[in-house]
Amino acid sequence: MEMVRVSVHIEGLVQGVFYRYSTQQKAQELGVNGWVRNVRDGSVECLLEGERNKVEALIRWCHQGPPGARVQKVVTSWEEYTGDLRGFSIR
């Protein structure tokens, strides 16, 4: 089982539509660790760690997001796995 870490930046209508809360729920459902937060420019970013297949499933979900979201762009930046993230928080 390959463990991975990735930074994800989501652009579009992603604030004020329960994007962070929904991301946290999906991450917990999948067993992915990390955090999600709003960015001042109106985007959302998250840092994810876990089993590659589960992290990739969450990234696929990020392209759609919750019902009210209108995702325009998702940028991923793969990093070295550290294993220092526990649980999944909203920042």
PDB file of N, CA and C in Angstrom:
ATOM      1  N   MET A   1       0.845  -1.188   0.000  1.00  0.00           N
ATOM      2  CA  MET A   1       0.000   0.000   0.000  1.00  0.00           C
ATOM      3  C   MET A   1       0.885   1.244   0.000  1.00  0.00           C
ATOM      4  N   GLU A   2       0.782   2.010  -1.080  1.00  0.00           N
ATOM      5  CA  GLU A   2       1.600   3.217  -1.219  1.00  0.00           C
ATOM      6  C   GLU A   2       0.937   4.396  -0.507  1.00  0.00           C
ATOM      7  N   MET A   3       1.706   5.062   0.335  1.00  0.00           N
ATOM      8  CA  MET A   3       1.213   6.232   1.053  1.00  0.00           C
ATOM      9  C   MET A   3       1.688   7.489   0.334  1.00  0.00           C
ATOM     10  N   VAL A   4       0.797   8.475   0.199  1.00  0.00           N
ATOM     11  CA  VAL A   4       1.119   9.681  -0.552  1.00  0.00           C
ATOM     12  C   VAL A   4       0.678  10.932   0.199  1.00  0.00           C
ATOM     13  N   ARG A   5       1.226  12.075  -0.245  1.00  0.00           N
ATOM     14  CA  ARG A   5       0.877  13.385   0.296  1.00  0.00           C
ATOM     15  C   ARG A   5       0.724  14.327  -0.895  1.00  0.00           C
ATOM     16  N   VAL A   6      -0.335  15.119  -0.901  1.00  0.00           N
ATOM     17  CA  VAL A   6      -0.573  16.030  -2.014  1.00  0.00           C
ATOM     18  C   VAL A   6      -1.253  17.303  -1.523  1.00  0.00           C
ATOM     19  N   SER A   7      -0.814  18.415  -2.082  1.00  0.00           N
ATOM     20  CA  SER A   7      -1.448  19.707  -1.838  1.00  0.00           C
ATOM     21  C   SER A   7      -2.416  19.944  -2.992  1.00  0.00           C
ATOM     22  N   VAL A   8      -3.639  20.358  -2.673  1.00  0.00           N
ATOM     23  CA  VAL A   8      -4.662  20.546  -3.698  1.00  0.00           C
ATOM     24  C   VAL A   8      -5.213  21.967  -3.594  1.00  0.00           C
ATOM     25  N   HIS A   9      -5.297  22.645  -4.741  1.00  0.00           N
ATOM     26  CA  HIS A   9      -5.819  24.011  -4.799  1.00  0.00           C
ATOM     27  C   HIS A   9      -7.046  23.988  -5.706  1.00  0.00           C
ATOM     28  N   ILE A  10      -8.198  24.433  -5.165  1.00  0.00           N
ATOM     29  CA  ILE A  10      -9.458  24.352  -5.892  1.00  0.00           C
ATOM     30  C   ILE A  10      -9.980  25.760  -6.147  1.00  0.00           C
ATOM     31  N   GLU A  11     -10.263  26.067  -7.419  1.00  0.00           N
ATOM     32  CA  GLU A  11     -10.764  27.386  -7.789  1.00  0.00           C
ATOM     33  C   GLU A  11     -12.181  27.279  -8.346  1.00  0.00           C
ATOM     34  N   GLY A  12     -12.916  28.389  -8.244  1.00  0.00           N
ATOM     35  CA  GLY A  12     -14.286  28.441  -8.732  1.00  0.00           C
ATOM     36  C   GLY A  12     -15.184  28.963  -7.630  1.00  0.00           C
ATOM     37  N   LEU A  13     -16.471  28.625  -7.690  1.00  0.00           N
ATOM     38  CA  LEU A  13     -17.400  28.984  -6.615  1.00  0.00           C
ATOM     39  C   LEU A  13     -17.300  27.887  -5.563  1.00  0.00           C
ATOM     40  N   VAL A  14     -16.359  28.080  -4.625  1.00  0.00           N
ATOM     41  CA  VAL A  14     -16.077  27.025  -3.645  1.00  0.00           C
ATOM     42  C   VAL A  14     -16.118  27.534  -2.200  1.00  0.00           C
ATOM     43  N   GLN A  15     -16.456  28.797  -2.011  1.00  0.00           N
ATOM     44  CA  GLN A  15     -16.633  29.316  -0.652  1.00  0.00           C
ATOM     45  C   GLN A  15     -18.107  29.674  -0.473  1.00  0.00           C
ATOM     46  N   GLY A  16     -18.622  29.414   0.745  1.00  0.00           N
ATOM     47  CA  GLY A  16     -20.029  29.688   1.028  1.00  0.00           C
ATOM     48  C   GLY A  16     -20.963  28.617   0.500  1.00  0.00           C
ATOM     49  N   VAL A  17     -20.423  27.458   0.138  1.00  0.00           N
ATOM     50  CA  VAL A  17     -21.245  26.366  -0.397  1.00  0.00           C
ATOM     51  C   VAL A  17     -20.980  25.054   0.362  1.00  0.00           C
ATOM     52  N   PHE A  18     -20.467  25.161   1.594  1.00  0.00           N
ATOM     53  CA  PHE A  18     -20.156  23.999   2.444  1.00  0.00           C
ATOM     54  C   PHE A  18     -19.054  23.121   1.857  1.00  0.00           C
ATOM     55  N   TYR A  19     -18.153  23.732   1.061  1.00  0.00           N
ATOM     56  CA  TYR A  19     -17.083  22.952   0.435  1.00  0.00           C
ATOM     57  C   TYR A  19     -16.141  22.353   1.481  1.00  0.00           C
ATOM     58  N   ARG A  20     -15.711  23.174   2.449  1.00  0.00           N
ATOM     59  CA  ARG A  20     -14.773  22.662   3.464  1.00  0.00           C
ATOM     60  C   ARG A  20     -15.411  21.561   4.295  1.00  0.00           C
ATOM     61  N   TYR A  21     -16.628  21.794   4.761  1.00  0.00           N
ATOM     62  CA  TYR A  21     -17.322  20.797   5.579  1.00  0.00           C
ATOM     63  C   TYR A  21     -17.510  19.496   4.790  1.00  0.00           C
ATOM     64  N   SER A  22     -17.936  19.623   3.543  1.00  0.00           N
ATOM     65  CA  SER A  22     -18.171  18.435   2.713  1.00  0.00           C
ATOM     66  C   SER A  22     -16.872  17.692   2.425  1.00  0.00           C
ATOM     67  N   THR A  23     -15.777  18.447   2.240  1.00  0.00           N
ATOM     68  CA  THR A  23     -14.472  17.816   2.022  1.00  0.00           C
ATOM     69  C   THR A  23     -14.054  17.032   3.258  1.00  0.00           C
ATOM     70  N   GLN A  24     -14.270  17.626   4.429  1.00  0.00           N
ATOM     71  CA  GLN A  24     -13.944  16.939   5.679  1.00  0.00           C
ATOM     72  C   GLN A  24     -14.759  15.644   5.804  1.00  0.00           C
ATOM     73  N   GLN A  25     -16.037  15.710   5.505  1.00  0.00           N
ATOM     74  CA  GLN A  25     -16.893  14.518   5.601  1.00  0.00           C
ATOM     75  C   GLN A  25     -16.410  13.419   4.656  1.00  0.00           C
ATOM     76  N   LYS A  26     -16.087  13.791   3.413  1.00  0.00           N
ATOM     77  CA  LYS A  26     -15.628  12.814   2.418  1.00  0.00           C
ATOM     78  C   LYS A  26     -14.279  12.227   2.823  1.00  0.00           C
ATOM     79  N   ALA A  27     -13.378  13.081   3.331  1.00  0.00           N
ATOM     80  CA  ALA A  27     -12.057  12.603   3.762  1.00  0.00           C
ATOM     81  C   ALA A  27     -12.193  11.596   4.902  1.00  0.00           C
ATOM     82  N   GLN A  28     -13.065  11.898   5.855  1.00  0.00           N
ATOM     83  CA  GLN A  28     -13.261  10.990   6.986  1.00  0.00           C
ATOM     84  C   GLN A  28     -13.881   9.674   6.520  1.00  0.00           C
ATOM     85  N   GLU A  29     -14.785   9.762   5.567  1.00  0.00           N
ATOM     86  CA  GLU A  29     -15.414   8.568   5.005  1.00  0.00           C
ATOM     87  C   GLU A  29     -14.372   7.678   4.308  1.00  0.00           C
ATOM     88  N   LEU A  30     -13.416   8.319   3.620  1.00  0.00           N
ATOM     89  CA  LEU A  30     -12.386   7.578   2.890  1.00  0.00           C
ATOM     90  C   LEU A  30     -11.194   7.174   3.767  1.00  0.00           C
ATOM     91  N   GLY A  31     -11.042   7.820   4.925  1.00  0.00           N
ATOM     92  CA  GLY A  31      -9.894   7.545   5.781  1.00  0.00           C
ATOM     93  C   GLY A  31      -8.650   8.302   5.360  1.00  0.00           C
ATOM     94  N   VAL A  32      -8.847   9.517   4.818  1.00  0.00           N
ATOM     95  CA  VAL A  32      -7.732  10.365   4.391  1.00  0.00           C
ATOM     96  C   VAL A  32      -7.459  11.399   5.479  1.00  0.00           C
ATOM     97  N   ASN A  33      -6.194  11.621   5.815  1.00  0.00           N
ATOM     98  CA  ASN A  33      -5.804  12.619   6.817  1.00  0.00           C
ATOM     99  C   ASN A  33      -5.459  13.938   6.137  1.00  0.00           C
ATOM    100  N   GLY A  34      -5.546  15.038   6.924  1.00  0.00           N
ATOM    101  CA  GLY A  34      -5.136  16.326   6.389  1.00  0.00           C
ATOM    102  C   GLY A  34      -5.984  17.467   6.898  1.00  0.00           C
ATOM    103  N   TRP A  35      -6.078  18.517   6.077  1.00  0.00           N
ATOM    104  CA  TRP A  35      -6.862  19.699   6.430  1.00  0.00           C
ATOM    105  C   TRP A  35      -7.334  20.413   5.169  1.00  0.00           C
ATOM    106  N   VAL A  36      -8.327  21.290   5.365  1.00  0.00           N
ATOM    107  CA  VAL A  36      -8.868  22.104   4.273  1.00  0.00           C
ATOM    108  C   VAL A  36      -9.098  23.507   4.823  1.00  0.00           C
ATOM    109  N   ARG A  37      -8.866  24.531   3.979  1.00  0.00           N
ATOM    110  CA  ARG A  37      -9.096  25.906   4.427  1.00  0.00           C
ATOM    111  C   ARG A  37      -9.446  26.802   3.244  1.00  0.00           C
ATOM    112  N   ASN A  38     -10.137  27.918   3.560  1.00  0.00           N
ATOM    113  CA  ASN A  38     -10.419  28.941   2.567  1.00  0.00           C
ATOM    114  C   ASN A  38      -9.171  29.789   2.357  1.00  0.00           C
ATOM    115  N   VAL A  39      -9.010  30.304   1.145  1.00  0.00           N
ATOM    116  CA  VAL A  39      -7.919  31.211   0.813  1.00  0.00           C
ATOM    117  C   VAL A  39      -8.559  32.572   0.519  1.00  0.00           C
ATOM    118  N   ARG A  40      -7.853  33.646   0.813  1.00  0.00           N
ATOM    119  CA  ARG A  40      -8.397  34.997   0.641  1.00  0.00           C
ATOM    120  C   ARG A  40      -8.883  35.303  -0.765  1.00  0.00           C
ATOM    121  N   ASP A  41      -8.282  34.650  -1.772  1.00  0.00           N
ATOM    122  CA  ASP A  41      -8.681  34.931  -3.161  1.00  0.00           C
ATOM    123  C   ASP A  41      -9.980  34.234  -3.575  1.00  0.00           C
ATOM    124  N   GLY A  42     -10.633  33.550  -2.617  1.00  0.00           N
ATOM    125  CA  GLY A  42     -11.905  32.886  -2.913  1.00  0.00           C
ATOM    126  C   GLY A  42     -11.767  31.411  -3.243  1.00  0.00           C
ATOM    127  N   SER A  43     -10.536  30.929  -3.276  1.00  0.00           N
ATOM    128  CA  SER A  43     -10.307  29.512  -3.558  1.00  0.00           C
ATOM    129  C   SER A  43     -10.242  28.719  -2.250  1.00  0.00           C
ATOM    130  N   VAL A  44     -10.051  27.432  -2.384  1.00  0.00           N
ATOM    131  CA  VAL A  44      -9.913  26.532  -1.235  1.00  0.00           C
ATOM    132  C   VAL A  44      -8.646  25.714  -1.454  1.00  0.00           C
ATOM    133  N   GLU A  45      -7.915  25.446  -0.372  1.00  0.00           N
ATOM    134  CA  GLU A  45      -6.754  24.564  -0.496  1.00  0.00           C
ATOM    135  C   GLU A  45      -6.828  23.494   0.567  1.00  0.00           C
ATOM    136  N   CYS A  46      -6.237  22.353   0.246  1.00  0.00           N
ATOM    137  CA  CYS A  46      -6.175  21.282   1.234  1.00  0.00           C
ATOM    138  C   CYS A  46      -4.878  20.517   1.081  1.00  0.00           C
ATOM    139  N   LEU A  47      -4.496  19.887   2.174  1.00  0.00           N
ATOM    140  CA  LEU A  47      -3.319  19.029   2.208  1.00  0.00           C
ATOM    141  C   LEU A  47      -3.819  17.650   2.609  1.00  0.00           C
ATOM    142  N   LEU A  48      -3.531  16.661   1.786  1.00  0.00           N
ATOM    143  CA  LEU A  48      -4.064  15.316   1.988  1.00  0.00           C
ATOM    144  C   LEU A  48      -2.948  14.304   2.133  1.00  0.00           C
ATOM    145  N   GLU A  49      -3.150  13.342   3.016  1.00  0.00           N
ATOM    146  CA  GLU A  49      -2.212  12.226   3.174  1.00  0.00           C
ATOM    147  C   GLU A  49      -2.994  10.937   3.373  1.00  0.00           C
ATOM    148  N   GLY A  50      -2.463   9.868   2.813  1.00  0.00           N
ATOM    149  CA  GLY A  50      -3.083   8.567   3.022  1.00  0.00           C
ATOM    150  C   GLY A  50      -2.717   7.606   1.917  1.00  0.00           C
ATOM    151  N   GLU A  51      -3.487   6.523   1.840  1.00  0.00           N
ATOM    152  CA  GLU A  51      -3.269   5.525   0.804  1.00  0.00           C
ATOM    153  C   GLU A  51      -3.576   6.149  -0.553  1.00  0.00           C
ATOM    154  N   ARG A  52      -2.719   5.893  -1.532  1.00  0.00           N
ATOM    155  CA  ARG A  52      -2.850   6.538  -2.848  1.00  0.00           C
ATOM    156  C   ARG A  52      -4.265   6.431  -3.415  1.00  0.00           C
ATOM    157  N   ASN A  53      -4.857   5.233  -3.409  1.00  0.00           N
ATOM    158  CA  ASN A  53      -6.184   5.081  -4.021  1.00  0.00           C
ATOM    159  C   ASN A  53      -7.245   5.923  -3.309  1.00  0.00           C
ATOM    160  N   LYS A  54      -7.136   6.066  -1.987  1.00  0.00           N
ATOM    161  CA  LYS A  54      -8.110   6.862  -1.226  1.00  0.00           C
ATOM    162  C   LYS A  54      -7.898   8.351  -1.455  1.00  0.00           C
ATOM    163  N   VAL A  55      -6.627   8.782  -1.502  1.00  0.00           N
ATOM    164  CA  VAL A  55      -6.313  10.184  -1.773  1.00  0.00           C
ATOM    165  C   VAL A  55      -6.777  10.553  -3.180  1.00  0.00           C
ATOM    166  N   GLU A  56      -6.526   9.680  -4.153  1.00  0.00           N
ATOM    167  CA  GLU A  56      -6.953   9.955  -5.526  1.00  0.00           C
ATOM    168  C   GLU A  56      -8.476  10.012  -5.636  1.00  0.00           C
ATOM    169  N   ALA A  57      -9.184   9.203  -4.853  1.00  0.00           N
ATOM    170  CA  ALA A  57     -10.652   9.254  -4.844  1.00  0.00           C
ATOM    171  C   ALA A  57     -11.126  10.607  -4.316  1.00  0.00           C
ATOM    172  N   LEU A  58     -10.458  11.122  -3.290  1.00  0.00           N
ATOM    173  CA  LEU A  58     -10.828  12.422  -2.737  1.00  0.00           C
ATOM    174  C   LEU A  58     -10.523  13.547  -3.734  1.00  0.00           C
ATOM    175  N   ILE A  59      -9.415  13.439  -4.445  1.00  0.00           N
ATOM    176  CA  ILE A  59      -9.097  14.449  -5.473  1.00  0.00           C
ATOM    177  C   ILE A  59     -10.173  14.436  -6.561  1.00  0.00           C
ATOM    178  N   ARG A  60     -10.600  13.262  -6.983  1.00  0.00           N
ATOM    179  CA  ARG A  60     -11.682  13.171  -7.984  1.00  0.00           C
ATOM    180  C   ARG A  60     -12.941  13.852  -7.452  1.00  0.00           C
ATOM    181  N   TRP A  61     -13.260  13.631  -6.177  1.00  0.00           N
ATOM    182  CA  TRP A  61     -14.427  14.270  -5.568  1.00  0.00           C
ATOM    183  C   TRP A  61     -14.267  15.791  -5.580  1.00  0.00           C
ATOM    184  N   CYS A  62     -13.043  16.285  -5.330  1.00  0.00           N
ATOM    185  CA  CYS A  62     -12.777  17.733  -5.301  1.00  0.00           C
ATOM    186  C   CYS A  62     -13.108  18.411  -6.624  1.00  0.00           C
ATOM    187  N   HIS A  63     -13.014  17.673  -7.732  1.00  0.00           N
ATOM    188  CA  HIS A  63     -13.339  18.255  -9.036  1.00  0.00           C
ATOM    189  C   HIS A  63     -14.830  18.585  -9.143  1.00  0.00           C
ATOM    190  N   GLN A  64     -15.659  17.937  -8.335  1.00  0.00           N
ATOM    191  CA  GLN A  64     -17.103  18.176  -8.338  1.00  0.00           C
ATOM    192  C   GLN A  64     -17.497  18.979  -7.099  1.00  0.00           C
ATOM    193  N   GLY A  65     -17.070  18.510  -5.926  1.00  0.00           N
ATOM    194  CA  GLY A  65     -17.422  19.176  -4.679  1.00  0.00           C
ATOM    195  C   GLY A  65     -18.876  18.964  -4.304  1.00  0.00           C
ATOM    196  N   PRO A  66     -19.362  19.709  -3.311  1.00  0.00           N
ATOM    197  CA  PRO A  66     -20.752  19.577  -2.880  1.00  0.00           C
ATOM    198  C   PRO A  66     -21.698  20.176  -3.922  1.00  0.00           C
ATOM    199  N   PRO A  67     -23.006  19.919  -3.782  1.00  0.00           N
ATOM    200  CA  PRO A  67     -23.983  20.359  -4.783  1.00  0.00           C
ATOM    201  C   PRO A  67     -23.927  21.839  -5.186  1.00  0.00           C
ATOM    202  N   GLY A  68     -23.665  22.753  -4.252  1.00  0.00           N
ATOM    203  CA  GLY A  68     -23.675  24.175  -4.581  1.00  0.00           C
ATOM    204  C   GLY A  68     -22.396  24.690  -5.226  1.00  0.00           C
ATOM    205  N   ALA A  69     -21.354  23.889  -5.232  1.00  0.00           N
ATOM    206  CA  ALA A  69     -20.046  24.330  -5.751  1.00  0.00           C
ATOM    207  C   ALA A  69     -20.020  24.335  -7.279  1.00  0.00           C
ATOM    208  N   ARG A  70     -19.207  25.227  -7.823  1.00  0.00           N
ATOM    209  CA  ARG A  70     -18.954  25.269  -9.271  1.00  0.00           C
ATOM    210  C   ARG A  70     -17.436  25.299  -9.440  1.00  0.00           C
ATOM    211  N   VAL A  71     -16.835  24.117  -9.452  1.00  0.00           N
ATOM    212  CA  VAL A  71     -15.379  24.012  -9.526  1.00  0.00           C
ATOM    213  C   VAL A  71     -14.914  24.309 -10.956  1.00  0.00           C
ATOM    214  N   GLN A  72     -13.952  25.223 -11.078  1.00  0.00           N
ATOM    215  CA  GLN A  72     -13.413  25.577 -12.388  1.00  0.00           C
ATOM    216  C   GLN A  72     -12.040  24.961 -12.617  1.00  0.00           C
ATOM    217  N   LYS A  73     -11.259  24.794 -11.546  1.00  0.00           N
ATOM    218  CA  LYS A  73      -9.887  24.329 -11.714  1.00  0.00           C
ATOM    219  C   LYS A  73      -9.408  23.640 -10.442  1.00  0.00           C
ATOM    220  N   VAL A  74      -8.714  22.522 -10.603  1.00  0.00           N
ATOM    221  CA  VAL A  74      -8.096  21.809  -9.482  1.00  0.00           C
ATOM    222  C   VAL A  74      -6.628  21.578  -9.837  1.00  0.00           C
ATOM    223  N   VAL A  75      -5.731  22.094  -8.995  1.00  0.00           N
ATOM    224  CA  VAL A  75      -4.300  21.941  -9.226  1.00  0.00           C
ATOM    225  C   VAL A  75      -3.718  21.096  -8.093  1.00  0.00           C
ATOM    226  N   THR A  76      -3.012  20.032  -8.455  1.00  0.00           N
ATOM    227  CA  THR A  76      -2.405  19.170  -7.444  1.00  0.00           C
ATOM    228  C   THR A  76      -0.888  19.304  -7.491  1.00  0.00           C
ATOM    229  N   SER A  77      -0.288  19.239  -6.314  1.00  0.00           N
ATOM    230  CA  SER A  77       1.163  19.292  -6.187  1.00  0.00           C
ATOM    231  C   SER A  77       1.584  18.162  -5.250  1.00  0.00           C
ATOM    232  N   TRP A  78       2.165  17.111  -5.824  1.00  0.00           N
ATOM    233  CA  TRP A  78       2.542  15.937  -5.033  1.00  0.00           C
ATOM    234  C   TRP A  78       3.806  16.230  -4.240  1.00  0.00           C
ATOM    235  N   GLU A  79       3.803  15.811  -2.995  1.00  0.00           N
ATOM    236  CA  GLU A  79       4.912  16.065  -2.081  1.00  0.00           C
ATOM    237  C   GLU A  79       5.388  14.734  -1.495  1.00  0.00           C
ATOM    238  N   GLU A  80       6.453  14.793  -0.737  1.00  0.00           N
ATOM    239  CA  GLU A  80       6.962  13.587  -0.085  1.00  0.00           C
ATOM    240  C   GLU A  80       6.082  13.258   1.120  1.00  0.00           C
ATOM    241  N   TYR A  81       5.662  12.014   1.231  1.00  0.00           N
ATOM    242  CA  TYR A  81       4.826  11.571   2.353  1.00  0.00           C
ATOM    243  C   TYR A  81       5.594  11.702   3.661  1.00  0.00           C
ATOM    244  N   THR A  82       4.947  12.300   4.662  1.00  0.00           N
ATOM    245  CA  THR A  82       5.597  12.449   5.969  1.00  0.00           C
ATOM    246  C   THR A  82       4.889  11.671   7.073  1.00  0.00           C
ATOM    247  N   GLY A  83       3.590  11.464   6.928  1.00  0.00           N
ATOM    248  CA  GLY A  83       2.847  10.739   7.952  1.00  0.00           C
ATOM    249  C   GLY A  83       2.572  11.546   9.205  1.00  0.00           C
ATOM    250  N   ASP A  84       2.747  12.879   9.116  1.00  0.00           N
ATOM    251  CA  ASP A  84       2.566  13.708  10.314  1.00  0.00           C
ATOM    252  C   ASP A  84       1.148  14.261  10.475  1.00  0.00           C
ATOM    253  N   LEU A  85       0.257  13.979   9.542  1.00  0.00           N
ATOM    254  CA  LEU A  85      -1.127  14.475   9.645  1.00  0.00           C
ATOM    255  C   LEU A  85      -2.002  13.429  10.324  1.00  0.00           C
ATOM    256  N   ARG A  86      -2.812  13.886  11.264  1.00  0.00           N
ATOM    257  CA  ARG A  86      -3.730  12.980  11.986  1.00  0.00           C
ATOM    258  C   ARG A  86      -5.150  13.521  11.878  1.00  0.00           C
ATOM    259  N   GLY A  87      -6.074  12.669  11.459  1.00  0.00           N
ATOM    260  CA  GLY A  87      -7.449  13.120  11.327  1.00  0.00           C
ATOM    261  C   GLY A  87      -7.598  14.079  10.160  1.00  0.00           C
ATOM    262  N   PHE A  88      -8.726  14.795  10.105  1.00  0.00           N
ATOM    263  CA  PHE A  88      -8.941  15.772   9.037  1.00  0.00           C
ATOM    264  C   PHE A  88      -9.645  16.985   9.611  1.00  0.00           C
ATOM    265  N   SER A  89      -8.994  18.130   9.539  1.00  0.00           N
ATOM    266  CA  SER A  89      -9.543  19.341  10.167  1.00  0.00           C
ATOM    267  C   SER A  89      -9.885  20.417   9.145  1.00  0.00           C
ATOM    268  N   ILE A  90     -10.762  21.310   9.573  1.00  0.00           N
ATOM    269  CA  ILE A  90     -11.093  22.513   8.816  1.00  0.00           C
ATOM    270  C   ILE A  90     -10.322  23.639   9.492  1.00  0.00           C
ATOM    271  N   ARG A  91      -9.543  24.374   8.702  1.00  0.00           N
ATOM    272  CA  ARG A  91      -8.743  25.473   9.265  1.00  0.00           C
ATOM    273  C   ARG A  91      -9.348  26.812   8.918  1.00  0.00           C
TER     274      ARG A  91
END
